[in-house]
Amino acid sequence: MSHEYLSDEELQKLISDVELNDIVQAPVHLQEKVLDAVSTADRAGNVAKTKKQKIIECRLYSLKVALAVAAAIAVMFIVPYVPVAHRDIDLMEKISSQRDASFSDASFRDEILEKKENIKSKIHSFFVDNLEVEDGI
């Protein structure tokens, strides 16, 4: 259903016609169209709800909201609370102490670097082998 608006000139003309003639006639079949639209809405199930149905819907909605609030409160008490600042500080201290302990031993540091190089060489050989297979070499 499209709505076409009147231009300013047409609107002024309509206003002056109404002021001069006092009555504007409705379209001939307007009443029939309105009654048909209402009857089809009734048949489609868009019937006005009774007061009892509205009360039941309101209580069901209230129950849903109450359950959502109860679930939110339960989650608040079940999930442990650790302040972000303390968690980050503890984590940083743990990491720094592990790093200091692990790198204080030079042989351990060399072992880590050697493993890193082995991994790099395995990755490189894997890609080289796959490229040779794809190229048909």
C-alpha atoms as a PDB file:
ATOM      1  CA  MET A   1       0.000   0.000   0.000  1.00  0.00           C
ATOM      2  CA  SER A   2       1.780   3.141  -1.153  1.00  0.00           C
ATOM      3  CA  HIS A   3       1.140   6.552   0.318  1.00  0.00           C
ATOM      4  CA  GLU A   4       1.414   9.462  -2.030  1.00  0.00           C
ATOM      5  CA  TYR A   5       1.694  12.839  -0.372  1.00  0.00           C
ATOM      6  CA  LEU A   6       0.171  15.990  -1.752  1.00  0.00           C
ATOM      7  CA  SER A   7       2.366  18.806  -2.915  1.00  0.00           C
ATOM      8  CA  ASP A   8       2.078  22.163  -1.150  1.00  0.00           C
ATOM      9  CA  GLU A   9      -0.114  23.594  -3.911  1.00  0.00           C
ATOM     10  CA  GLU A  10      -2.459  20.590  -3.917  1.00  0.00           C
ATOM     11  CA  LEU A  11      -2.685  20.685  -0.121  1.00  0.00           C
ATOM     12  CA  GLN A  12      -3.589  24.392  -0.155  1.00  0.00           C
ATOM     13  CA  LYS A  13      -6.211  23.699  -2.817  1.00  0.00           C
ATOM     14  CA  LEU A  14      -7.688  20.870  -0.721  1.00  0.00           C
ATOM     15  CA  ILE A  15      -7.826  23.085   2.358  1.00  0.00           C
ATOM     16  CA  SER A  16      -9.555  25.881   0.492  1.00  0.00           C
ATOM     17  CA  ASP A  17     -12.070  23.426  -1.052  1.00  0.00           C
ATOM     18  CA  VAL A  18     -12.903  21.995   2.382  1.00  0.00           C
ATOM     19  CA  GLU A  19     -13.314  25.469   3.846  1.00  0.00           C
ATOM     20  CA  LEU A  20     -15.640  26.528   1.018  1.00  0.00           C
ATOM     21  CA  ASN A  21     -17.719  23.347   0.609  1.00  0.00           C
ATOM     22  CA  ASP A  22     -17.653  22.211   4.266  1.00  0.00           C
ATOM     23  CA  ILE A  23     -17.990  18.484   3.453  1.00  0.00           C
ATOM     24  CA  VAL A  24     -15.760  16.161   1.496  1.00  0.00           C
ATOM     25  CA  GLN A  25     -17.403  12.953   0.340  1.00  0.00           C
ATOM     26  CA  ALA A  26     -15.728   9.665   1.216  1.00  0.00           C
ATOM     27  CA  PRO A  27     -15.053   7.223  -1.608  1.00  0.00           C
ATOM     28  CA  VAL A  28     -18.067   5.128  -2.514  1.00  0.00           C
ATOM     29  CA  HIS A  29     -16.774   1.706  -1.448  1.00  0.00           C
ATOM     30  CA  LEU A  30     -14.749   2.797   1.594  1.00  0.00           C
ATOM     31  CA  GLN A  31     -17.109   1.288   4.151  1.00  0.00           C
ATOM     32  CA  GLU A  32     -17.187  -2.067   2.352  1.00  0.00           C
ATOM     33  CA  LYS A  33     -13.373  -2.144   2.093  1.00  0.00           C
ATOM     34  CA  VAL A  34     -12.945  -1.412   5.795  1.00  0.00           C
ATOM     35  CA  LEU A  35     -15.460  -4.073   6.827  1.00  0.00           C
ATOM     36  CA  ASP A  36     -13.833  -6.621   4.504  1.00  0.00           C
ATOM     37  CA  ALA A  37     -10.400  -5.861   5.950  1.00  0.00           C
ATOM     38  CA  VAL A  38     -11.705  -6.277   9.509  1.00  0.00           C
ATOM     39  CA  SER A  39     -13.454  -9.558   8.725  1.00  0.00           C
ATOM     40  CA  THR A  40     -10.336 -11.004   7.047  1.00  0.00           C
ATOM     41  CA  ALA A  41      -8.260  -9.960  10.071  1.00  0.00           C
ATOM     42  CA  ASP A  42     -10.732 -11.768  12.344  1.00  0.00           C
ATOM     43  CA  ARG A  43     -10.510 -14.905  10.220  1.00  0.00           C
ATOM     44  CA  ALA A  44      -6.695 -14.737  10.204  1.00  0.00           C
ATOM     45  CA  GLY A  45      -6.587 -14.883  14.007  1.00  0.00           C
ATOM     46  CA  ASN A  46      -5.902 -11.230  14.716  1.00  0.00           C
ATOM     47  CA  VAL A  47      -8.911 -11.076  17.016  1.00  0.00           C
ATOM     48  CA  ALA A  48      -8.779  -8.703  19.940  1.00  0.00           C
ATOM     49  CA  LYS A  49      -7.630 -10.532  23.074  1.00  0.00           C
ATOM     50  CA  THR A  50      -9.770 -10.809  26.143  1.00  0.00           C
ATOM     51  CA  LYS A  51      -8.705  -9.394  29.465  1.00  0.00           C
ATOM     52  CA  LYS A  52      -8.015 -12.897  30.800  1.00  0.00           C
ATOM     53  CA  GLN A  53      -5.699 -13.683  27.873  1.00  0.00           C
ATOM     54  CA  LYS A  54      -3.815 -10.432  28.414  1.00  0.00           C
ATOM     55  CA  ILE A  55      -3.338 -11.221  32.109  1.00  0.00           C
ATOM     56  CA  ILE A  56      -2.017 -14.704  31.264  1.00  0.00           C
ATOM     57  CA  GLU A  57       0.439 -13.266  28.719  1.00  0.00           C
ATOM     58  CA  CYS A  58       1.616 -10.663  31.235  1.00  0.00           C
ATOM     59  CA  ARG A  59       2.205 -13.328  33.906  1.00  0.00           C
ATOM     60  CA  LEU A  60       4.101 -15.558  31.462  1.00  0.00           C
ATOM     61  CA  TYR A  61       6.302 -12.630  30.460  1.00  0.00           C
ATOM     62  CA  SER A  62       6.923 -11.789  34.131  1.00  0.00           C
ATOM     63  CA  LEU A  63       7.865 -15.408  34.788  1.00  0.00           C
ATOM     64  CA  LYS A  64      10.360 -15.378  31.909  1.00  0.00           C
ATOM     65  CA  VAL A  65      11.942 -12.178  33.213  1.00  0.00           C
ATOM     66  CA  ALA A  66      12.131 -13.580  36.757  1.00  0.00           C
ATOM     67  CA  LEU A  67      13.828 -16.751  35.491  1.00  0.00           C
ATOM     68  CA  ALA A  68      16.343 -14.712  33.512  1.00  0.00           C
ATOM     69  CA  VAL A  69      17.175 -12.608  36.575  1.00  0.00           C
ATOM     70  CA  ALA A  70      17.513 -15.732  38.747  1.00  0.00           C
ATOM     71  CA  ALA A  71      19.850 -17.311  36.186  1.00  0.00           C
ATOM     72  CA  ALA A  72      21.983 -14.161  36.074  1.00  0.00           C
ATOM     73  CA  ILE A  73      22.243 -14.083  39.873  1.00  0.00           C
ATOM     74  CA  ALA A  74      23.135 -17.784  39.968  1.00  0.00           C
ATOM     75  CA  VAL A  75      25.902 -17.252  37.425  1.00  0.00           C
ATOM     76  CA  MET A  76      27.268 -14.394  39.522  1.00  0.00           C
ATOM     77  CA  PHE A  77      27.653 -16.685  42.540  1.00  0.00           C
ATOM     78  CA  ILE A  78      28.836 -19.774  40.660  1.00  0.00           C
ATOM     79  CA  VAL A  79      31.597 -18.164  38.588  1.00  0.00           C
ATOM     80  CA  PRO A  80      34.577 -17.302  40.802  1.00  0.00           C
ATOM     81  CA  TYR A  81      35.523 -13.660  40.934  1.00  0.00           C
ATOM     82  CA  VAL A  82      39.176 -12.754  40.501  1.00  0.00           C
ATOM     83  CA  PRO A  83      39.986  -9.068  40.161  1.00  0.00           C
ATOM     84  CA  VAL A  84      41.621  -8.343  36.820  1.00  0.00           C
ATOM     85  CA  ALA A  85      44.465  -6.349  38.331  1.00  0.00           C
ATOM     86  CA  HIS A  86      45.506  -9.119  40.742  1.00  0.00           C
ATOM     87  CA  ARG A  87      45.153 -11.822  38.083  1.00  0.00           C
ATOM     88  CA  ASP A  88      47.406  -9.944  35.657  1.00  0.00           C
ATOM     89  CA  ILE A  89      50.010  -9.143  38.292  1.00  0.00           C
ATOM     90  CA  ASP A  90      50.153 -12.757  39.499  1.00  0.00           C
ATOM     91  CA  LEU A  91      50.484 -14.016  35.941  1.00  0.00           C
ATOM     92  CA  MET A  92      53.288 -11.563  35.140  1.00  0.00           C
ATOM     93  CA  GLU A  93      55.185 -12.545  38.306  1.00  0.00           C
ATOM     94  CA  LYS A  94      54.805 -16.237  37.480  1.00  0.00           C
ATOM     95  CA  ILE A  95      56.054 -15.776  33.920  1.00  0.00           C
ATOM     96  CA  SER A  96      59.003 -13.621  34.943  1.00  0.00           C
ATOM     97  CA  SER A  97      60.057 -16.064  37.657  1.00  0.00           C
ATOM     98  CA  GLN A  98      59.896 -18.994  35.210  1.00  0.00           C
ATOM     99  CA  ARG A  99      61.870 -17.047  32.609  1.00  0.00           C
ATOM    100  CA  ASP A 100      64.523 -16.020  35.115  1.00  0.00           C
ATOM    101  CA  ALA A 101      64.871 -19.566  36.430  1.00  0.00           C
ATOM    102  CA  SER A 102      64.982 -21.153  32.989  1.00  0.00           C
ATOM    103  CA  PHE A 103      67.433 -18.741  31.383  1.00  0.00           C
ATOM    104  CA  SER A 104      69.748 -18.580  34.350  1.00  0.00           C
ATOM    105  CA  ASP A 105      71.054 -21.997  33.326  1.00  0.00           C
ATOM    106  CA  ALA A 106      73.032 -21.463  30.093  1.00  0.00           C
ATOM    107  CA  SER A 107      72.829 -25.110  29.017  1.00  0.00           C
ATOM    108  CA  PHE A 108      69.036 -25.016  29.251  1.00  0.00           C
ATOM    109  CA  ARG A 109      68.959 -21.858  27.135  1.00  0.00           C
ATOM    110  CA  ASP A 110      71.188 -23.500  24.516  1.00  0.00           C
ATOM    111  CA  GLU A 111      68.946 -26.569  24.496  1.00  0.00           C
ATOM    112  CA  ILE A 112      65.890 -24.408  23.816  1.00  0.00           C
ATOM    113  CA  LEU A 113      67.629 -22.584  20.978  1.00  0.00           C
ATOM    114  CA  GLU A 114      68.745 -25.900  19.472  1.00  0.00           C
ATOM    115  CA  LYS A 115      65.164 -27.244  19.563  1.00  0.00           C
ATOM    116  CA  LYS A 116      63.961 -24.065  17.921  1.00  0.00           C
ATOM    117  CA  GLU A 117      66.472 -24.474  15.093  1.00  0.00           C
ATOM    118  CA  ASN A 118      65.470 -28.137  14.635  1.00  0.00           C
ATOM    119  CA  ILE A 119      61.846 -27.150  14.323  1.00  0.00           C
ATOM    120  CA  LYS A 120      62.709 -24.449  11.770  1.00  0.00           C
ATOM    121  CA  SER A 121      64.693 -26.896   9.668  1.00  0.00           C
ATOM    122  CA  LYS A 122      61.870 -29.490   9.761  1.00  0.00           C
ATOM    123  CA  ILE A 123      59.351 -26.866   8.671  1.00  0.00           C
ATOM    124  CA  HIS A 124      61.654 -25.721   5.871  1.00  0.00           C
ATOM    125  CA  SER A 125      62.252 -29.263   4.614  1.00  0.00           C
ATOM    126  CA  PHE A 126      58.519 -30.010   4.761  1.00  0.00           C
ATOM    127  CA  PHE A 127      57.677 -27.027   2.560  1.00  0.00           C
ATOM    128  CA  VAL A 128      60.551 -27.750   0.158  1.00  0.00           C
ATOM    129  CA  ASP A 129      59.429 -31.384  -0.225  1.00  0.00           C
ATOM    130  CA  ASN A 130      55.822 -30.340  -0.833  1.00  0.00           C
ATOM    131  CA  LEU A 131      56.822 -27.729  -3.403  1.00  0.00           C
ATOM    132  CA  GLU A 132      58.889 -30.315  -5.304  1.00  0.00           C
ATOM    133  CA  VAL A 133      55.927 -32.713  -5.369  1.00  0.00           C
ATOM    134  CA  GLU A 134      53.520 -30.020  -6.600  1.00  0.00           C
ATOM    135  CA  ASP A 135      55.923 -28.806  -9.306  1.00  0.00           C
ATOM    136  CA  GLY A 136      56.475 -32.364 -10.507  1.00  0.00           C
ATOM    137  CA  ILE A 137      60.194 -32.340  -9.766  1.00  0.00           C
END
